[in-house]
Amino acid sequence: MGSYYDKHCDNLKMIETAISSIEVSLKQSIRKQDQQNVDIYTRILAFLINSWTEVRIIKLLNESNAFSDVEIKNITKNSLENKWKQTLKKAYDKSFPNTGTDPENEARLNALMDIITDHLKYSADIRNKLAHGQWIHSFDRDSIEYDNILTSKVNDENYLKINFRYLIFKDLSQMIHDLAVSTPTFERDFERLFLRVVEKQNQSKNMIYEKFVHQLVSKEMKSRQIREANKCGTNT
């Protein structure tokens, strides 16, 4: 199974390229106050970020000497959230076999599990609705009953929320990677990466999207004014 590692890397690189491209288009639409395209690109970005989490965990599982073929098969049978949780647990047990008897290690493991619980299921729920074409109105699994909660989640998405989740997933995946392949690296970098995740969590709660939009729109207006002034100067 490990022989497919390069292929998983290729998939991840392509998705990351797509994410970067959509981010540019989304910010451009925000600057131009093109709300229809803002809504479209926001949904595409949310979908891509969740796709990234799917490919990233598979790439991590296929790291050289990180997990056995049996472990990979057992983990990949699960939901996305449980894939991440079981990968984290396996990796942690490899680095710290006696986690249950060490309060500090147990606390770190639980803290990382909480990050997965808080962010991955939310992202996956939105991705599932988008994948089924429910881009404005969400329904239950049988598409019979209207789902107010998920409808609100889909429509409340914005660039800042999605981007913070992406950054959190990146740091989380790095910590799990370090656990799986290099315990000393995990010990060295854990505090820095974990505090960065906490910072991003706080920013996602406190940053005001409308202020972010205003900043981008203001920059666009200033750029237009400069272009118009330069054009007038050329014509005189």
Protein backbone atom coordinates (compact mmCIF):
# COMPACT_ATOMS: atom_id res chain seq x y z
CA MET A 1 0.00 0.00 0.00
CA GLY A 2 2.90 2.34 0.73
CA SER A 3 3.89 2.22 -2.94
CA TYR A 4 0.98 4.59 -3.71
CA TYR A 5 2.37 7.35 -1.50
CA ASP A 6 3.56 9.44 -4.47
CA LYS A 7 0.12 9.24 -6.05
CA HIS A 8 -1.50 10.54 -2.88
CA CYS A 9 1.06 13.36 -2.88
CA ASP A 10 0.06 14.23 -6.46
CA ASN A 11 -3.61 14.35 -5.47
CA LEU A 12 -2.87 16.60 -2.53
CA LYS A 13 -0.76 18.99 -4.60
CA MET A 14 -3.53 19.30 -7.20
CA ILE A 15 -6.13 20.09 -4.54
CA GLU A 16 -3.83 22.67 -2.93
CA THR A 17 -3.34 24.31 -6.33
CA ALA A 18 -7.11 24.40 -6.80
CA ILE A 19 -7.56 25.91 -3.33
CA SER A 20 -5.07 28.68 -4.10
CA SER A 21 -6.78 29.42 -7.41
CA ILE A 22 -10.26 29.60 -5.88
CA GLU A 23 -9.00 31.81 -3.04
CA VAL A 24 -7.75 34.32 -5.61
CA SER A 25 -11.09 34.27 -7.45
CA LEU A 26 -13.04 34.58 -4.21
CA LYS A 27 -11.06 37.56 -2.94
CA GLN A 28 -11.35 39.22 -6.34
CA SER A 29 -15.14 38.76 -6.25
CA ILE A 30 -15.25 40.22 -2.73
CA ARG A 31 -13.28 43.27 -3.87
CA LYS A 32 -15.62 43.78 -6.82
CA GLN A 33 -18.68 43.25 -4.59
CA ASP A 34 -19.89 40.50 -6.90
CA GLN A 35 -22.06 38.70 -4.35
CA GLN A 36 -23.21 35.91 -6.66
CA ASN A 37 -19.66 34.83 -7.39
CA VAL A 38 -18.70 35.33 -3.75
CA ASP A 39 -21.38 32.78 -2.81
CA ILE A 40 -20.28 30.37 -5.56
CA TYR A 41 -16.56 30.52 -4.82
CA THR A 42 -17.17 30.30 -1.06
CA ARG A 43 -18.99 27.02 -1.54
CA ILE A 44 -16.34 25.66 -3.89
CA LEU A 45 -13.63 26.59 -1.39
CA ALA A 46 -15.49 24.91 1.49
CA PHE A 47 -15.83 21.77 -0.63
CA LEU A 48 -12.15 21.77 -1.59
CA ILE A 49 -10.93 22.24 1.99
CA ASN A 50 -12.86 19.19 3.10
CA SER A 51 -11.52 17.23 0.11
CA TRP A 52 -8.06 18.28 1.28
CA THR A 53 -8.71 16.74 4.71
CA GLU A 54 -9.71 13.47 3.04
CA VAL A 55 -6.58 13.24 0.90
CA ARG A 56 -4.27 14.56 3.63
CA ILE A 57 -5.16 11.81 6.08
CA ILE A 58 -4.67 9.12 3.40
CA LYS A 59 -1.27 10.58 2.52
CA LEU A 60 -0.36 10.58 6.20
CA LEU A 61 -1.41 6.94 6.61
CA ASN A 62 0.84 5.99 3.70
CA GLU A 63 3.95 7.68 5.06
CA SER A 64 6.95 5.34 4.96
CA ASN A 65 7.15 3.12 8.08
CA ALA A 66 4.35 5.03 9.80
CA PHE A 67 1.50 2.50 9.73
CA SER A 68 1.13 -1.17 8.79
CA ASP A 69 -1.07 -2.29 5.90
CA VAL A 70 -3.51 -3.81 8.39
CA GLU A 71 -3.73 -0.53 10.34
CA ILE A 72 -4.31 1.43 7.13
CA LYS A 73 -7.10 -0.93 6.01
CA ASN A 74 -8.83 -0.76 9.39
CA ILE A 75 -8.62 3.01 9.65
CA THR A 76 -9.79 3.78 6.10
CA LYS A 77 -13.06 1.88 6.66
CA ASN A 78 -14.28 4.67 8.95
CA SER A 79 -15.92 8.06 8.50
CA LEU A 80 -13.60 10.98 7.81
CA GLU A 81 -13.79 12.20 11.41
CA ASN A 82 -12.95 8.76 12.76
CA LYS A 83 -10.17 8.30 10.22
CA TRP A 84 -8.46 11.34 11.71
CA LYS A 85 -9.18 10.29 15.29
CA GLN A 86 -7.95 6.73 14.83
CA THR A 87 -4.86 7.88 12.94
CA LEU A 88 -4.10 10.29 15.78
CA LYS A 89 -4.66 7.58 18.43
CA LYS A 90 -2.47 5.02 16.62
CA ALA A 91 0.28 7.58 16.07
CA TYR A 92 0.11 8.72 19.70
CA ASP A 93 0.27 5.16 20.99
CA LYS A 94 3.36 4.54 18.87
CA SER A 95 5.13 7.58 20.30
CA PHE A 96 3.81 7.25 23.86
CA PRO A 97 2.80 3.64 24.65
CA ASN A 98 1.82 4.51 28.22
CA THR A 99 -0.32 7.56 27.46
CA GLY A 100 -3.08 6.44 29.84
CA THR A 101 -0.71 6.53 32.80
CA ASP A 102 0.86 9.90 31.93
CA PRO A 103 -1.47 12.86 32.68
CA GLU A 104 0.47 15.27 30.44
CA ASN A 105 0.42 12.97 27.41
CA GLU A 106 -3.22 12.10 27.98
CA ALA A 107 -4.09 15.80 28.17
CA ARG A 108 -2.27 16.51 24.90
CA LEU A 109 -4.01 13.62 23.16
CA ASN A 110 -7.43 14.76 24.38
CA ALA A 111 -6.73 18.33 23.28
CA LEU A 112 -5.89 17.15 19.76
CA MET A 113 -8.99 14.94 19.69
CA ASP A 114 -11.10 17.96 20.64
CA ILE A 115 -9.74 19.90 17.65
CA ILE A 116 -10.90 17.12 15.32
CA THR A 117 -14.31 17.00 16.99
CA ASP A 118 -14.77 20.77 16.86
CA HIS A 119 -13.75 21.37 13.26
CA LEU A 120 -13.75 18.26 11.10
CA LYS A 121 -17.36 17.15 11.56
CA TYR A 122 -18.57 20.70 10.88
CA SER A 123 -16.56 20.82 7.68
CA ALA A 124 -17.69 17.34 6.60
CA ASP A 125 -21.39 18.16 7.20
CA ILE A 126 -21.15 21.17 4.90
CA ARG A 127 -19.18 19.23 2.29
CA ASN A 128 -21.84 16.49 2.18
CA LYS A 129 -24.62 18.98 1.50
CA LEU A 130 -22.60 20.73 -1.20
CA ALA A 131 -21.72 17.37 -2.80
CA HIS A 132 -25.44 16.60 -3.07
CA GLY A 133 -26.17 19.92 -4.78
CA GLN A 134 -27.80 21.51 -1.73
CA TRP A 135 -26.00 24.82 -2.17
CA ILE A 136 -28.73 27.05 -0.72
CA HIS A 137 -31.31 24.82 0.97
CA SER A 138 -30.32 21.69 2.91
CA PHE A 139 -32.43 18.61 3.53
CA ASP A 140 -32.15 15.39 5.51
CA ARG A 141 -30.40 12.29 4.15
CA ASP A 142 -33.44 11.29 2.10
CA SER A 143 -33.95 14.86 0.79
CA ILE A 144 -37.47 14.88 2.25
CA GLU A 145 -37.34 17.02 5.39
CA TYR A 146 -35.90 20.54 5.36
CA ASP A 147 -32.82 20.96 7.59
CA ASN A 148 -32.73 24.47 9.06
CA ILE A 149 -29.50 23.93 10.98
CA LEU A 150 -27.42 22.75 8.03
CA THR A 151 -29.02 25.36 5.77
CA SER A 152 -27.75 28.02 8.18
CA LYS A 153 -24.29 26.42 8.32
CA VAL A 154 -23.95 26.37 4.53
CA ASN A 155 -25.14 29.94 4.10
CA ASP A 156 -23.10 31.28 7.01
CA GLU A 157 -19.82 30.10 5.52
CA ASN A 158 -17.34 32.77 4.51
CA TYR A 159 -13.71 33.04 3.45
CA LEU A 160 -12.35 33.73 6.94
CA LYS A 161 -14.10 30.78 8.57
CA ILE A 162 -12.98 28.39 5.86
CA ASN A 163 -9.43 29.68 5.76
CA PHE A 164 -9.01 29.37 9.53
CA ARG A 165 -10.24 25.76 9.36
CA TYR A 166 -7.73 25.06 6.60
CA LEU A 167 -4.85 26.47 8.65
CA ILE A 168 -5.97 24.51 11.71
CA PHE A 169 -6.15 21.28 9.69
CA LYS A 170 -2.65 21.91 8.34
CA ASP A 171 -1.09 22.30 11.78
CA LEU A 172 -3.07 19.38 13.17
CA SER A 173 -1.95 17.10 10.34
CA GLN A 174 1.65 18.15 10.93
CA MET A 175 1.40 17.17 14.59
CA ILE A 176 -0.06 13.76 13.71
CA HIS A 177 2.64 13.30 11.07
CA ASP A 178 5.33 14.04 13.65
CA LEU A 179 3.80 11.56 16.08
CA ALA A 180 3.82 8.87 13.41
CA VAL A 181 7.36 9.34 12.11
CA SER A 182 9.41 11.30 14.66
CA THR A 183 8.59 11.54 18.36
CA PRO A 184 11.47 13.98 19.05
CA THR A 185 10.10 16.32 16.39
CA PHE A 186 6.64 16.16 17.97
CA GLU A 187 8.08 16.95 21.40
CA ARG A 188 10.07 19.85 19.97
CA ASP A 189 7.27 21.44 17.94
CA PHE A 190 4.08 20.52 19.81
CA GLU A 191 3.74 23.66 21.90
CA ARG A 192 4.43 25.99 18.95
CA LEU A 193 1.96 24.23 16.64
CA PHE A 194 -0.71 23.74 19.29
CA LEU A 195 -0.61 27.38 20.38
CA ARG A 196 -0.90 28.40 16.74
CA VAL A 197 -4.03 26.27 16.43
CA VAL A 198 -5.50 27.87 19.56
CA GLU A 199 -4.68 31.30 18.15
CA LYS A 200 -6.47 30.45 14.89
CA GLN A 201 -9.48 29.16 16.82
CA ASN A 202 -9.69 32.42 18.74
CA GLN A 203 -9.26 34.49 15.58
CA SER A 204 -12.03 32.57 13.84
CA LYS A 205 -14.38 33.53 16.68
CA ASN A 206 -13.30 37.14 17.05
CA MET A 207 -12.51 38.39 13.55
CA ILE A 208 -15.37 40.22 11.88
CA TYR A 209 -15.98 39.13 8.29
CA GLU A 210 -17.64 42.42 7.37
CA LYS A 211 -14.50 44.29 8.40
CA PHE A 212 -12.41 41.99 6.22
CA VAL A 213 -14.75 42.64 3.28
CA HIS A 214 -14.59 46.40 3.87
CA GLN A 215 -10.79 46.29 3.77
CA LEU A 216 -10.74 44.43 0.45
CA VAL A 217 -13.39 46.69 -1.10
CA SER A 218 -11.53 49.81 0.07
CA LYS A 219 -8.29 48.56 -1.50
CA GLU A 220 -10.11 47.90 -4.76
CA MET A 221 -11.64 51.38 -4.77
CA LYS A 222 -8.25 52.99 -4.14
CA SER A 223 -6.73 50.94 -6.94
CA ARG A 224 -9.48 52.09 -9.32
CA GLN A 225 -8.93 55.70 -8.35
CA ILE A 226 -5.21 55.38 -9.01
CA ARG A 227 -5.84 53.75 -12.39
CA GLU A 228 -8.33 56.46 -13.33
CA ALA A 229 -5.89 59.20 -12.24
CA ASN A 230 -3.11 57.63 -14.28
CA LYS A 231 -5.42 57.33 -17.27
CA CYS A 232 -6.39 60.99 -17.04
CA GLY A 233 -2.71 61.98 -16.74
CA THR A 234 -1.90 60.01 -19.88
CA ASN A 235 -4.74 61.66 -21.85
CA THR A 236 -3.74 65.25 -20.99
